[in-house]
Amino acid sequence: MQKRVGEQTIQLSVPVRIAATAAIAGPKEAEGPLAAYFDTTIEDALYGESSWEKAESKLVRDTITMAVKKAKLRMEDIDIMAAGDLLNQSTGTTFGVRALGRPFLGLYGACSTMGESLCVGAMLIDGGFARHVVCSASSHFCAAEKQFRFPLELGTQRPLTSTWTVTGDGAAVLSAEEVTGGAVCVTGMTIGKIVDMGIKDANNMGAAMAPAAADTILTHLHDTKREPTYYDEIVTGDLGYVGQELVCELLEREGISLPNYTDCGIRIFDREKQDTHAGGSGCACAALTFAGYYYQEMQKGTYKRILFIPTGALLSPTTTQQGETIPGIAHAVVIEMVR
């Protein structure tokens, strides 16, 4: 079977079943509109640990362990773990999975990491290289602010274009088991390419990532010859209100309107009640929203087909300090209810 479609899209030979998901969220996320969809929430940002970074690692370990258990598997059944986070050298994930004793692929796609992990995991299973793969992505507001912007102790005022990094971890177990009786599956993906429109403001992630999201959506529709309405919903990862508006504007220039488009950074917080400015961001923004809200709603039949597009800003403290621009990336994952 020819799996390559167009320039950047891959059609899997068989649907790859999502056997289970798990979502553990932070205290601010527990106050948001998606609280009921999370498996559990933590009471404070330290999660019983001595640092925010250790708290994130604990979130990773606990979420993956929970997802594997919900899939009715043992940790020994997991062939590969594909996961990542925002911290330097992905140490949040590395230290989180080190005691789990399973083969590990550490991924970095910034806030697009959940999309990247689902792409890699599904291709590994479709290619016959694994039967069970855990895909995961995490972030932590306090740790991310310290690394990418300013330590919280400084009390720096956040501009209205800034987004709030989501604290938590979302994980999905992909399985090669035969799809029977209906299942939520990954059926294809469009691997994004880096798009850089010259944005340098680290407090405006939506503007930095929006061009990459628009490019991936446009490429996916062109490669597959599909209309946007083929999907019940098109959802980007963490562009927030600013980025979402820019995506619509960029695509309208190409003659494409998206009546069924939203963003995980808009869904996960109540903008007015929680004072999150432009919305949510971070690896866990897309991971939690998918592993919690979308997966459960697809199981209920609310959605039968979504295009899930986590977005990432590929910057570091070093590049920001050197005056570099912020490259963006976005990967589109086709997720369908298959009967």
C-alpha atoms as a PDB file:
ATOM      1  CA  MET A   1       0.000   0.000   0.000  1.00  0.00           C
ATOM      2  CA  GLN A   2       1.231   3.499  -0.861  1.00  0.00           C
ATOM      3  CA  LYS A   3       1.246   5.285   2.484  1.00  0.00           C
ATOM      4  CA  ARG A   4       2.580   8.611   1.266  1.00  0.00           C
ATOM      5  CA  VAL A   5      -0.105  11.054   0.167  1.00  0.00           C
ATOM      6  CA  GLY A   6       0.936  14.320  -1.455  1.00  0.00           C
ATOM      7  CA  GLU A   7       3.902  16.239  -0.053  1.00  0.00           C
ATOM      8  CA  GLN A   8       3.746  15.717   3.716  1.00  0.00           C
ATOM      9  CA  THR A   9       0.839  13.425   4.550  1.00  0.00           C
ATOM     10  CA  ILE A  10       0.872   9.761   5.561  1.00  0.00           C
ATOM     11  CA  GLN A  11      -2.136   7.444   5.373  1.00  0.00           C
ATOM     12  CA  LEU A  12      -1.714   4.445   7.675  1.00  0.00           C
ATOM     13  CA  SER A  13      -2.363   1.025   6.143  1.00  0.00           C
ATOM     14  CA  VAL A  14      -4.629   0.120   9.076  1.00  0.00           C
ATOM     15  CA  PRO A  15      -6.153   2.290  11.821  1.00  0.00           C
ATOM     16  CA  VAL A  16      -4.040   2.340  14.979  1.00  0.00           C
ATOM     17  CA  ARG A  17      -6.276   2.015  18.025  1.00  0.00           C
ATOM     18  CA  ILE A  18      -5.975   4.324  20.995  1.00  0.00           C
ATOM     19  CA  ALA A  19      -6.474   1.752  23.743  1.00  0.00           C
ATOM     20  CA  ALA A  20      -6.659   4.250  26.609  1.00  0.00           C
ATOM     21  CA  THR A  21      -5.688   7.728  27.692  1.00  0.00           C
ATOM     22  CA  ALA A  22      -4.888   9.333  31.034  1.00  0.00           C
ATOM     23  CA  ALA A  23      -4.775  12.967  32.101  1.00  0.00           C
ATOM     24  CA  ILE A  24      -3.442  14.448  35.332  1.00  0.00           C
ATOM     25  CA  ALA A  25      -3.830  18.213  35.590  1.00  0.00           C
ATOM     26  CA  GLY A  26      -2.634  21.034  37.823  1.00  0.00           C
ATOM     27  CA  PRO A  27      -4.662  23.121  40.295  1.00  0.00           C
ATOM     28  CA  LYS A  28      -5.434  25.973  37.869  1.00  0.00           C
ATOM     29  CA  GLU A  29      -6.578  23.506  35.227  1.00  0.00           C
ATOM     30  CA  ALA A  30      -8.806  21.907  37.871  1.00  0.00           C
ATOM     31  CA  GLU A  31     -10.675  25.228  38.079  1.00  0.00           C
ATOM     32  CA  GLY A  32     -11.219  25.390  34.318  1.00  0.00           C
ATOM     33  CA  PRO A  33     -14.082  24.194  32.100  1.00  0.00           C
ATOM     34  CA  LEU A  34     -12.517  20.770  31.374  1.00  0.00           C
ATOM     35  CA  ALA A  35     -11.981  19.740  35.005  1.00  0.00           C
ATOM     36  CA  ALA A  36     -14.486  16.871  34.838  1.00  0.00           C
ATOM     37  CA  TYR A  37     -12.531  15.229  32.002  1.00  0.00           C
ATOM     38  CA  PHE A  38      -9.270  14.796  33.925  1.00  0.00           C
ATOM     39  CA  ASP A  39      -8.565  11.516  35.724  1.00  0.00           C
ATOM     40  CA  THR A  40      -7.188  13.415  38.682  1.00  0.00           C
ATOM     41  CA  THR A  41      -5.842  16.842  39.573  1.00  0.00           C
ATOM     42  CA  ILE A  42      -3.068  17.859  41.948  1.00  0.00           C
ATOM     43  CA  GLU A  43      -3.696  20.203  44.863  1.00  0.00           C
ATOM     44  CA  ASP A  44      -0.574  22.348  44.498  1.00  0.00           C
ATOM     45  CA  ALA A  45       2.174  22.965  41.959  1.00  0.00           C
ATOM     46  CA  LEU A  46       4.833  21.033  43.913  1.00  0.00           C
ATOM     47  CA  TYR A  47       2.838  17.769  43.938  1.00  0.00           C
ATOM     48  CA  GLY A  48       4.604  16.726  47.143  1.00  0.00           C
ATOM     49  CA  GLU A  49       8.073  17.271  45.676  1.00  0.00           C
ATOM     50  CA  SER A  50      10.884  19.711  46.534  1.00  0.00           C
ATOM     51  CA  SER A  51      10.941  21.461  43.126  1.00  0.00           C
ATOM     52  CA  TRP A  52       8.649  22.216  40.201  1.00  0.00           C
ATOM     53  CA  GLU A  53      10.855  20.156  37.896  1.00  0.00           C
ATOM     54  CA  LYS A  54      10.552  17.099  40.152  1.00  0.00           C
ATOM     55  CA  ALA A  55       6.806  17.665  40.295  1.00  0.00           C
ATOM     56  CA  GLU A  56       6.646  17.539  36.499  1.00  0.00           C
ATOM     57  CA  SER A  57       8.614  14.283  36.425  1.00  0.00           C
ATOM     58  CA  LYS A  58       6.189  12.791  38.939  1.00  0.00           C
ATOM     59  CA  LEU A  59       3.280  13.886  36.740  1.00  0.00           C
ATOM     60  CA  VAL A  60       4.883  12.079  33.790  1.00  0.00           C
ATOM     61  CA  ARG A  61       5.476   8.863  35.717  1.00  0.00           C
ATOM     62  CA  ASP A  62       2.015   8.777  37.293  1.00  0.00           C
ATOM     63  CA  THR A  63       0.149   9.604  34.070  1.00  0.00           C
ATOM     64  CA  ILE A  64       1.932   6.989  31.972  1.00  0.00           C
ATOM     65  CA  THR A  65       1.451   4.376  34.700  1.00  0.00           C
ATOM     66  CA  MET A  66      -2.256   5.238  34.857  1.00  0.00           C
ATOM     67  CA  ALA A  67      -2.698   5.072  31.067  1.00  0.00           C
ATOM     68  CA  VAL A  68      -1.073   1.637  30.869  1.00  0.00           C
ATOM     69  CA  LYS A  69      -3.294   0.354  33.684  1.00  0.00           C
ATOM     70  CA  LYS A  70      -6.424   1.764  32.025  1.00  0.00           C
ATOM     71  CA  ALA A  71      -5.446  -0.059  28.818  1.00  0.00           C
ATOM     72  CA  LYS A  72      -5.415  -3.289  30.871  1.00  0.00           C
ATOM     73  CA  LEU A  73      -1.746  -3.807  30.121  1.00  0.00           C
ATOM     74  CA  ARG A  74       1.358  -4.333  32.199  1.00  0.00           C
ATOM     75  CA  MET A  75       4.323  -2.009  31.893  1.00  0.00           C
ATOM     76  CA  GLU A  76       6.252  -4.960  30.411  1.00  0.00           C
ATOM     77  CA  ASP A  77       3.762  -4.970  27.504  1.00  0.00           C
ATOM     78  CA  ILE A  78       4.877  -1.509  26.396  1.00  0.00           C
ATOM     79  CA  ASP A  79       7.386  -1.818  23.571  1.00  0.00           C
ATOM     80  CA  ILE A  80       8.290   1.875  23.326  1.00  0.00           C
ATOM     81  CA  MET A  81       7.543   5.090  25.173  1.00  0.00           C
ATOM     82  CA  ALA A  82       7.606   8.219  22.978  1.00  0.00           C
ATOM     83  CA  ALA A  83       7.399  11.368  25.067  1.00  0.00           C
ATOM     84  CA  GLY A  84       8.813  14.811  25.806  1.00  0.00           C
ATOM     85  CA  ASP A  85       8.388  18.162  27.538  1.00  0.00           C
ATOM     86  CA  LEU A  86       9.652  21.765  27.516  1.00  0.00           C
ATOM     87  CA  LEU A  87      12.538  21.579  29.968  1.00  0.00           C
ATOM     88  CA  ASN A  88      16.198  21.579  28.918  1.00  0.00           C
ATOM     89  CA  GLN A  89      17.124  18.190  27.429  1.00  0.00           C
ATOM     90  CA  SER A  90      13.551  17.002  28.209  1.00  0.00           C
ATOM     91  CA  THR A  91      14.596  16.172  31.762  1.00  0.00           C
ATOM     92  CA  GLY A  92      11.026  16.376  33.010  1.00  0.00           C
ATOM     93  CA  THR A  93      10.226  13.286  30.969  1.00  0.00           C
ATOM     94  CA  THR A  94      13.596  11.564  31.261  1.00  0.00           C
ATOM     95  CA  PHE A  95      13.574  11.614  35.043  1.00  0.00           C
ATOM     96  CA  GLY A  96       9.896  10.691  35.036  1.00  0.00           C
ATOM     97  CA  VAL A  97      10.272   7.490  33.001  1.00  0.00           C
ATOM     98  CA  ARG A  98      13.694   6.343  34.208  1.00  0.00           C
ATOM     99  CA  ALA A  99      12.203   3.950  36.781  1.00  0.00           C
ATOM    100  CA  LEU A 100       9.669   2.445  34.360  1.00  0.00           C
ATOM    101  CA  GLY A 101      12.253   0.302  32.628  1.00  0.00           C
ATOM    102  CA  ARG A 102      10.881   0.434  29.087  1.00  0.00           C
ATOM    103  CA  PRO A 103      12.513   1.443  25.763  1.00  0.00           C
ATOM    104  CA  PHE A 104      12.263   5.203  25.428  1.00  0.00           C
ATOM    105  CA  LEU A 105      12.318   7.711  22.579  1.00  0.00           C
ATOM    106  CA  GLY A 106      12.715  11.220  23.955  1.00  0.00           C
ATOM    107  CA  LEU A 107      11.007  13.727  21.652  1.00  0.00           C
ATOM    108  CA  TYR A 108      11.159  17.485  21.442  1.00  0.00           C
ATOM    109  CA  GLY A 109       8.686  19.446  19.389  1.00  0.00           C
ATOM    110  CA  ALA A 110       8.045  22.123  22.011  1.00  0.00           C
ATOM    111  CA  CYS A 111       4.280  22.384  22.506  1.00  0.00           C
ATOM    112  CA  SER A 112       3.691  20.198  19.416  1.00  0.00           C
ATOM    113  CA  THR A 113       5.227  17.189  21.206  1.00  0.00           C
ATOM    114  CA  MET A 114       1.938  15.330  21.761  1.00  0.00           C
ATOM    115  CA  GLY A 115       1.277  15.480  18.029  1.00  0.00           C
ATOM    116  CA  GLU A 116       4.809  14.343  17.268  1.00  0.00           C
ATOM    117  CA  SER A 117       4.550  11.442  19.706  1.00  0.00           C
ATOM    118  CA  LEU A 118       1.227  10.273  18.234  1.00  0.00           C
ATOM    119  CA  CYS A 119       2.728  10.433  14.734  1.00  0.00           C
ATOM    120  CA  VAL A 120       5.841   8.475  15.724  1.00  0.00           C
ATOM    121  CA  GLY A 121       3.883   5.958  17.796  1.00  0.00           C
ATOM    122  CA  ALA A 122       1.302   5.274  15.101  1.00  0.00           C
ATOM    123  CA  MET A 123       3.975   4.843  12.429  1.00  0.00           C
ATOM    124  CA  LEU A 124       5.934   2.434  14.643  1.00  0.00           C
ATOM    125  CA  ILE A 125       2.839   0.275  15.064  1.00  0.00           C
ATOM    126  CA  ASP A 126       1.754   0.536  11.418  1.00  0.00           C
ATOM    127  CA  GLY A 127       5.248  -0.484  10.353  1.00  0.00           C
ATOM    128  CA  GLY A 128       5.197  -3.563  12.576  1.00  0.00           C
ATOM    129  CA  PHE A 129       7.974  -2.306  14.847  1.00  0.00           C
ATOM    130  CA  ALA A 130       5.869  -2.274  18.020  1.00  0.00           C
ATOM    131  CA  ARG A 131       2.548  -3.545  19.347  1.00  0.00           C
ATOM    132  CA  HIS A 132       2.018  -1.128  22.205  1.00  0.00           C
ATOM    133  CA  VAL A 133       3.391   2.423  22.362  1.00  0.00           C
ATOM    134  CA  VAL A 134       2.837   5.057  25.038  1.00  0.00           C
ATOM    135  CA  CYS A 135       2.662   8.640  23.746  1.00  0.00           C
ATOM    136  CA  SER A 136       2.948  11.437  26.292  1.00  0.00           C
ATOM    137  CA  ALA A 137       3.701  15.138  26.733  1.00  0.00           C
ATOM    138  CA  SER A 138       3.959  17.312  29.832  1.00  0.00           C
ATOM    139  CA  SER A 139       4.590  20.874  30.965  1.00  0.00           C
ATOM    140  CA  HIS A 140       4.572  22.870  34.197  1.00  0.00           C
ATOM    141  CA  PHE A 141       3.706  26.557  34.466  1.00  0.00           C
ATOM    142  CA  CYS A 142       6.253  27.417  37.170  1.00  0.00           C
ATOM    143  CA  ALA A 143       9.133  25.495  35.589  1.00  0.00           C
ATOM    144  CA  ALA A 144       8.435  26.894  32.119  1.00  0.00           C
ATOM    145  CA  GLU A 145       8.196  30.500  33.314  1.00  0.00           C
ATOM    146  CA  LYS A 146      11.526  30.148  35.101  1.00  0.00           C
ATOM    147  CA  GLN A 147      13.224  28.680  32.037  1.00  0.00           C
ATOM    148  CA  PHE A 148      11.775  30.702  29.182  1.00  0.00           C
ATOM    149  CA  ARG A 149      10.721  34.019  30.705  1.00  0.00           C
ATOM    150  CA  PHE A 150      11.208  35.213  34.301  1.00  0.00           C
ATOM    151  CA  PRO A 151      11.175  33.507  37.725  1.00  0.00           C
ATOM    152  CA  LEU A 152       7.784  33.913  39.365  1.00  0.00           C
ATOM    153  CA  GLU A 153       9.354  35.614  42.376  1.00  0.00           C
ATOM    154  CA  LEU A 154      10.014  38.698  40.253  1.00  0.00           C
ATOM    155  CA  GLY A 155       6.297  39.291  39.819  1.00  0.00           C
ATOM    156  CA  THR A 156       6.795  40.343  36.202  1.00  0.00           C
ATOM    157  CA  GLN A 157       3.637  41.631  34.537  1.00  0.00           C
ATOM    158  CA  ARG A 158       2.440  39.443  31.689  1.00  0.00           C
ATOM    159  CA  PRO A 159       1.287  41.208  28.485  1.00  0.00           C
ATOM    160  CA  LEU A 160      -2.169  40.474  27.084  1.00  0.00           C
ATOM    161  CA  THR A 161      -0.663  38.438  24.225  1.00  0.00           C
ATOM    162  CA  SER A 162       0.894  35.959  26.660  1.00  0.00           C
ATOM    163  CA  THR A 163      -0.540  32.515  27.292  1.00  0.00           C
ATOM    164  CA  TRP A 164      -0.581  30.458  30.482  1.00  0.00           C
ATOM    165  CA  THR A 165       1.566  27.308  30.383  1.00  0.00           C
ATOM    166  CA  VAL A 166      -0.598  24.348  31.362  1.00  0.00           C
ATOM    167  CA  THR A 167       0.540  22.183  34.273  1.00  0.00           C
ATOM    168  CA  GLY A 168      -0.052  18.479  33.769  1.00  0.00           C
ATOM    169  CA  ASP A 169       0.575  15.455  31.594  1.00  0.00           C
ATOM    170  CA  GLY A 170      -1.537  13.668  29.008  1.00  0.00           C
ATOM    171  CA  ALA A 171      -0.760  10.149  27.801  1.00  0.00           C
ATOM    172  CA  ALA A 172      -2.244   7.774  25.233  1.00  0.00           C
ATOM    173  CA  VAL A 173      -1.584   4.068  24.734  1.00  0.00           C
ATOM    174  CA  LEU A 174      -1.543   3.081  21.062  1.00  0.00           C
ATOM    175  CA  SER A 175      -2.161  -0.563  20.251  1.00  0.00           C
ATOM    176  CA  ALA A 176      -1.780  -2.903  17.286  1.00  0.00           C
ATOM    177  CA  GLU A 177      -4.746  -4.958  18.457  1.00  0.00           C
ATOM    178  CA  GLU A 178      -7.477  -5.410  15.870  1.00  0.00           C
ATOM    179  CA  VAL A 179     -10.124  -2.705  15.778  1.00  0.00           C
ATOM    180  CA  THR A 180     -13.507  -4.298  16.521  1.00  0.00           C
ATOM    181  CA  GLY A 181     -16.802  -2.875  17.751  1.00  0.00           C
ATOM    182  CA  GLY A 182     -15.764   0.717  17.283  1.00  0.00           C
ATOM    183  CA  ALA A 183     -12.646   2.434  18.548  1.00  0.00           C
ATOM    184  CA  VAL A 184     -10.940   5.815  18.525  1.00  0.00           C
ATOM    185  CA  CYS A 185      -8.004   5.460  16.141  1.00  0.00           C
ATOM    186  CA  VAL A 186      -5.172   7.342  14.494  1.00  0.00           C
ATOM    187  CA  THR A 187      -5.613   6.906  10.736  1.00  0.00           C
ATOM    188  CA  GLY A 188      -3.122   9.375   9.271  1.00  0.00           C
ATOM    189  CA  MET A 189      -0.998  12.448   9.820  1.00  0.00           C
ATOM    190  CA  THR A 190       0.579  15.422   8.113  1.00  0.00           C
ATOM    191  CA  ILE A 191       4.104  16.063   9.327  1.00  0.00           C
ATOM    192  CA  GLY A 192       4.682  19.787   9.578  1.00  0.00           C
ATOM    193  CA  LYS A 193       7.667  21.795   8.464  1.00  0.00           C
ATOM    194  CA  ILE A 194       9.302  24.725  10.223  1.00  0.00           C
ATOM    195  CA  VAL A 195       7.755  28.092   9.362  1.00  0.00           C
ATOM    196  CA  ASP A 196       9.364  31.296  10.642  1.00  0.00           C
ATOM    197  CA  MET A 197       7.703  34.654  10.005  1.00  0.00           C
ATOM    198  CA  GLY A 198      10.204  36.641  12.064  1.00  0.00           C
ATOM    199  CA  ILE A 199       8.348  36.887  15.388  1.00  0.00           C
ATOM    200  CA  LYS A 200      10.768  37.527  18.280  1.00  0.00           C
ATOM    201  CA  ASP A 201       8.413  38.172  21.188  1.00  0.00           C
ATOM    202  CA  ALA A 202       8.559  35.245  23.650  1.00  0.00           C
ATOM    203  CA  ASN A 203       5.366  36.580  25.204  1.00  0.00           C
ATOM    204  CA  ASN A 204       3.407  36.112  21.980  1.00  0.00           C
ATOM    205  CA  MET A 205       3.587  32.396  21.250  1.00  0.00           C
ATOM    206  CA  GLY A 206       0.321  32.453  19.321  1.00  0.00           C
ATOM    207  CA  ALA A 207       1.720  34.776  16.663  1.00  0.00           C
ATOM    208  CA  ALA A 208       4.936  32.747  16.400  1.00  0.00           C
ATOM    209  CA  MET A 209       3.149  29.418  15.880  1.00  0.00           C
ATOM    210  CA  ALA A 210       0.112  30.460  13.833  1.00  0.00           C
ATOM    211  CA  PRO A 211       1.900  30.507  10.433  1.00  0.00           C
ATOM    212  CA  ALA A 212       3.094  26.917  10.946  1.00  0.00           C
ATOM    213  CA  ALA A 213      -0.415  25.803  11.920  1.00  0.00           C
ATOM    214  CA  ALA A 214      -1.921  27.484   8.862  1.00  0.00           C
ATOM    215  CA  ASP A 215       0.724  25.903   6.624  1.00  0.00           C
ATOM    216  CA  THR A 216       0.072  22.411   7.994  1.00  0.00           C
ATOM    217  CA  ILE A 217      -3.709  22.763   7.674  1.00  0.00           C
ATOM    218  CA  LEU A 218      -3.376  24.047   4.101  1.00  0.00           C
ATOM    219  CA  THR A 219      -0.961  21.243   3.199  1.00  0.00           C
ATOM    220  CA  HIS A 220      -3.171  18.583   4.776  1.00  0.00           C
ATOM    221  CA  LEU A 221      -6.262  19.736   2.889  1.00  0.00           C
ATOM    222  CA  HIS A 222      -4.294  19.918  -0.368  1.00  0.00           C
ATOM    223  CA  ASP A 223      -2.640  16.502   0.090  1.00  0.00           C
ATOM    224  CA  THR A 224      -5.873  14.721   1.030  1.00  0.00           C
ATOM    225  CA  LYS A 225      -8.208  16.677  -1.279  1.00  0.00           C
ATOM    226  CA  ARG A 226     -10.525  17.153   1.706  1.00  0.00           C
ATOM    227  CA  GLU A 227     -12.697  20.079   2.688  1.00  0.00           C
ATOM    228  CA  PRO A 228     -12.450  21.441   6.258  1.00  0.00           C
ATOM    229  CA  THR A 229     -15.985  20.161   6.928  1.00  0.00           C
ATOM    230  CA  TYR A 230     -14.733  16.580   6.418  1.00  0.00           C
ATOM    231  CA  TYR A 231     -13.886  16.893  10.119  1.00  0.00           C
ATOM    232  CA  ASP A 232     -16.310  17.459  12.952  1.00  0.00           C
ATOM    233  CA  GLU A 233     -13.683  19.722  14.456  1.00  0.00           C
ATOM    234  CA  ILE A 234     -10.258  21.056  13.552  1.00  0.00           C
ATOM    235  CA  VAL A 235      -8.346  21.834  16.735  1.00  0.00           C
ATOM    236  CA  THR A 236      -4.891  23.347  17.098  1.00  0.00           C
ATOM    237  CA  GLY A 237      -2.748  22.826  20.164  1.00  0.00           C
ATOM    238  CA  ASP A 238      -2.045  26.040  21.995  1.00  0.00           C
ATOM    239  CA  LEU A 239      -2.349  29.112  19.829  1.00  0.00           C
ATOM    240  CA  GLY A 240      -4.885  30.730  22.126  1.00  0.00           C
ATOM    241  CA  TYR A 241      -7.105  33.574  21.006  1.00  0.00           C
ATOM    242  CA  VAL A 242      -4.354  35.572  19.275  1.00  0.00           C
ATOM    243  CA  GLY A 243      -3.025  32.632  17.274  1.00  0.00           C
ATOM    244  CA  GLN A 244      -6.437  31.298  16.355  1.00  0.00           C
ATOM    245  CA  GLU A 245      -7.415  34.635  14.847  1.00  0.00           C
ATOM    246  CA  LEU A 246      -4.181  34.750  12.846  1.00  0.00           C
ATOM    247  CA  VAL A 247      -4.689  31.212  11.492  1.00  0.00           C
ATOM    248  CA  CYS A 248      -8.149  32.144  10.242  1.00  0.00           C
ATOM    249  CA  GLU A 249      -6.779  35.301   8.635  1.00  0.00           C
ATOM    250  CA  LEU A 250      -3.902  33.464   6.919  1.00  0.00           C
ATOM    251  CA  LEU A 251      -6.169  30.742   5.549  1.00  0.00           C
ATOM    252  CA  GLU A 252      -8.808  33.198   4.380  1.00  0.00           C
ATOM    253  CA  ARG A 253      -6.099  34.717   2.167  1.00  0.00           C
ATOM    254  CA  GLU A 254      -5.919  31.279   0.522  1.00  0.00           C
ATOM    255  CA  GLY A 255      -9.681  31.153   0.106  1.00  0.00           C
ATOM    256  CA  ILE A 256     -10.256  28.717   2.980  1.00  0.00           C
ATOM    257  CA  SER A 257     -12.673  29.295   5.868  1.00  0.00           C
ATOM    258  CA  LEU A 258     -12.746  27.108   8.969  1.00  0.00           C
ATOM    259  CA  PRO A 259     -16.252  27.114  10.476  1.00  0.00           C
ATOM    260  CA  ASN A 260     -15.376  24.140  12.707  1.00  0.00           C
ATOM    261  CA  TYR A 261     -12.066  25.393  14.108  1.00  0.00           C
ATOM    262  CA  THR A 262     -11.022  25.912  17.735  1.00  0.00           C
ATOM    263  CA  ASP A 263      -7.885  25.654  19.871  1.00  0.00           C
ATOM    264  CA  CYS A 264      -6.983  23.650  22.979  1.00  0.00           C
ATOM    265  CA  GLY A 265      -5.631  26.831  24.567  1.00  0.00           C
ATOM    266  CA  ILE A 266      -9.120  28.309  24.305  1.00  0.00           C
ATOM    267  CA  ARG A 267     -10.927  25.220  25.603  1.00  0.00           C
ATOM    268  CA  ILE A 268      -8.827  24.474  28.685  1.00  0.00           C
ATOM    269  CA  PHE A 269      -9.253  27.773  30.567  1.00  0.00           C
ATOM    270  CA  ASP A 270     -12.032  30.279  31.187  1.00  0.00           C
ATOM    271  CA  ARG A 271     -10.365  33.418  29.870  1.00  0.00           C
ATOM    272  CA  GLU A 272     -12.384  35.844  31.946  1.00  0.00           C
ATOM    273  CA  LYS A 273     -12.738  33.990  35.243  1.00  0.00           C
ATOM    274  CA  GLN A 274      -9.154  32.658  35.315  1.00  0.00           C
ATOM    275  CA  ASP A 275      -7.276  35.665  33.885  1.00  0.00           C
ATOM    276  CA  THR A 276      -5.206  33.623  31.436  1.00  0.00           C
ATOM    277  CA  HIS A 277      -4.946  36.467  28.911  1.00  0.00           C
ATOM    278  CA  ALA A 278      -4.617  34.866  25.453  1.00  0.00           C
ATOM    279  CA  GLY A 279      -5.368  31.318  26.689  1.00  0.00           C
ATOM    280  CA  GLY A 280      -3.381  28.172  27.438  1.00  0.00           C
ATOM    281  CA  SER A 281      -0.071  26.869  26.091  1.00  0.00           C
ATOM    282  CA  GLY A 282       2.618  24.299  26.862  1.00  0.00           C
ATOM    283  CA  CYS A 283       2.995  20.647  25.863  1.00  0.00           C
ATOM    284  CA  ALA A 284       0.293  19.640  28.330  1.00  0.00           C
ATOM    285  CA  CYS A 285      -2.239  22.023  26.798  1.00  0.00           C
ATOM    286  CA  ALA A 286      -2.873  19.825  23.762  1.00  0.00           C
ATOM    287  CA  ALA A 287      -2.032  16.602  25.623  1.00  0.00           C
ATOM    288  CA  LEU A 288      -4.521  17.150  28.457  1.00  0.00           C
ATOM    289  CA  THR A 289      -7.266  18.478  26.198  1.00  0.00           C
ATOM    290  CA  PHE A 290      -6.998  15.498  23.879  1.00  0.00           C
ATOM    291  CA  ALA A 291      -6.414  12.783  26.492  1.00  0.00           C
ATOM    292  CA  GLY A 292      -9.243  14.173  28.605  1.00  0.00           C
ATOM    293  CA  TYR A 293     -11.914  16.009  26.637  1.00  0.00           C
ATOM    294  CA  TYR A 294     -11.616  14.879  23.017  1.00  0.00           C
ATOM    295  CA  TYR A 295     -10.944  11.198  23.642  1.00  0.00           C
ATOM    296  CA  GLN A 296     -13.898  10.883  26.002  1.00  0.00           C
ATOM    297  CA  GLU A 297     -16.230  12.866  23.753  1.00  0.00           C
ATOM    298  CA  MET A 298     -15.250  10.714  20.762  1.00  0.00           C
ATOM    299  CA  GLN A 299     -16.042   7.606  22.767  1.00  0.00           C
ATOM    300  CA  LYS A 300     -19.481   9.104  23.465  1.00  0.00           C
ATOM    301  CA  GLY A 301     -20.000   9.804  19.757  1.00  0.00           C
ATOM    302  CA  THR A 302     -19.960  13.604  20.040  1.00  0.00           C
ATOM    303  CA  TYR A 303     -17.160  13.671  17.476  1.00  0.00           C
ATOM    304  CA  LYS A 304     -16.517  11.004  14.879  1.00  0.00           C
ATOM    305  CA  ARG A 305     -13.558  12.619  13.166  1.00  0.00           C
ATOM    306  CA  ILE A 306     -11.172  15.380  14.287  1.00  0.00           C
ATOM    307  CA  LEU A 307      -7.978  16.899  12.929  1.00  0.00           C
ATOM    308  CA  PHE A 308      -5.733  17.382  15.959  1.00  0.00           C
ATOM    309  CA  ILE A 309      -2.845  19.818  15.336  1.00  0.00           C
ATOM    310  CA  PRO A 310      -0.507  20.455  18.307  1.00  0.00           C
ATOM    311  CA  THR A 311       1.670  23.499  17.685  1.00  0.00           C
ATOM    312  CA  GLY A 312       5.157  24.322  18.903  1.00  0.00           C
ATOM    313  CA  ALA A 313       7.467  27.345  19.225  1.00  0.00           C
ATOM    314  CA  LEU A 314      11.027  26.117  18.731  1.00  0.00           C
ATOM    315  CA  LEU A 315      12.877  28.633  20.876  1.00  0.00           C
ATOM    316  CA  SER A 316      15.270  28.399  23.812  1.00  0.00           C
ATOM    317  CA  PRO A 317      16.463  30.935  26.405  1.00  0.00           C
ATOM    318  CA  THR A 318      19.744  31.147  24.497  1.00  0.00           C
ATOM    319  CA  THR A 319      18.176  31.942  21.130  1.00  0.00           C
ATOM    320  CA  THR A 320      15.874  34.531  22.724  1.00  0.00           C
ATOM    321  CA  GLN A 321      18.801  36.261  24.441  1.00  0.00           C
ATOM    322  CA  GLN A 322      20.715  36.303  21.162  1.00  0.00           C
ATOM    323  CA  GLY A 323      17.840  38.072  19.419  1.00  0.00           C
ATOM    324  CA  GLU A 324      16.848  35.119  17.224  1.00  0.00           C
ATOM    325  CA  THR A 325      13.394  34.693  15.758  1.00  0.00           C
ATOM    326  CA  ILE A 326      10.971  31.986  16.951  1.00  0.00           C
ATOM    327  CA  PRO A 327      10.448  29.161  14.417  1.00  0.00           C
ATOM    328  CA  GLY A 328       7.100  27.379  14.555  1.00  0.00           C
ATOM    329  CA  ILE A 329       6.054  23.787  13.870  1.00  0.00           C
ATOM    330  CA  ALA A 330       2.695  21.988  13.738  1.00  0.00           C
ATOM    331  CA  HIS A 331       1.834  18.342  13.145  1.00  0.00           C
ATOM    332  CA  ALA A 332      -1.673  17.259  12.142  1.00  0.00           C
ATOM    333  CA  VAL A 333      -3.048  13.924  13.375  1.00  0.00           C
ATOM    334  CA  VAL A 334      -6.235  12.449  11.911  1.00  0.00           C
ATOM    335  CA  ILE A 335      -8.222  10.792  14.709  1.00  0.00           C
ATOM    336  CA  GLU A 336     -11.385   8.901  13.817  1.00  0.00           C
ATOM    337  CA  MET A 337     -14.005   6.660  15.359  1.00  0.00           C
ATOM    338  CA  VAL A 338     -13.616   3.476  13.328  1.00  0.00           C
ATOM    339  CA  ARG A 339     -16.358   0.825  13.325  1.00  0.00           C
END
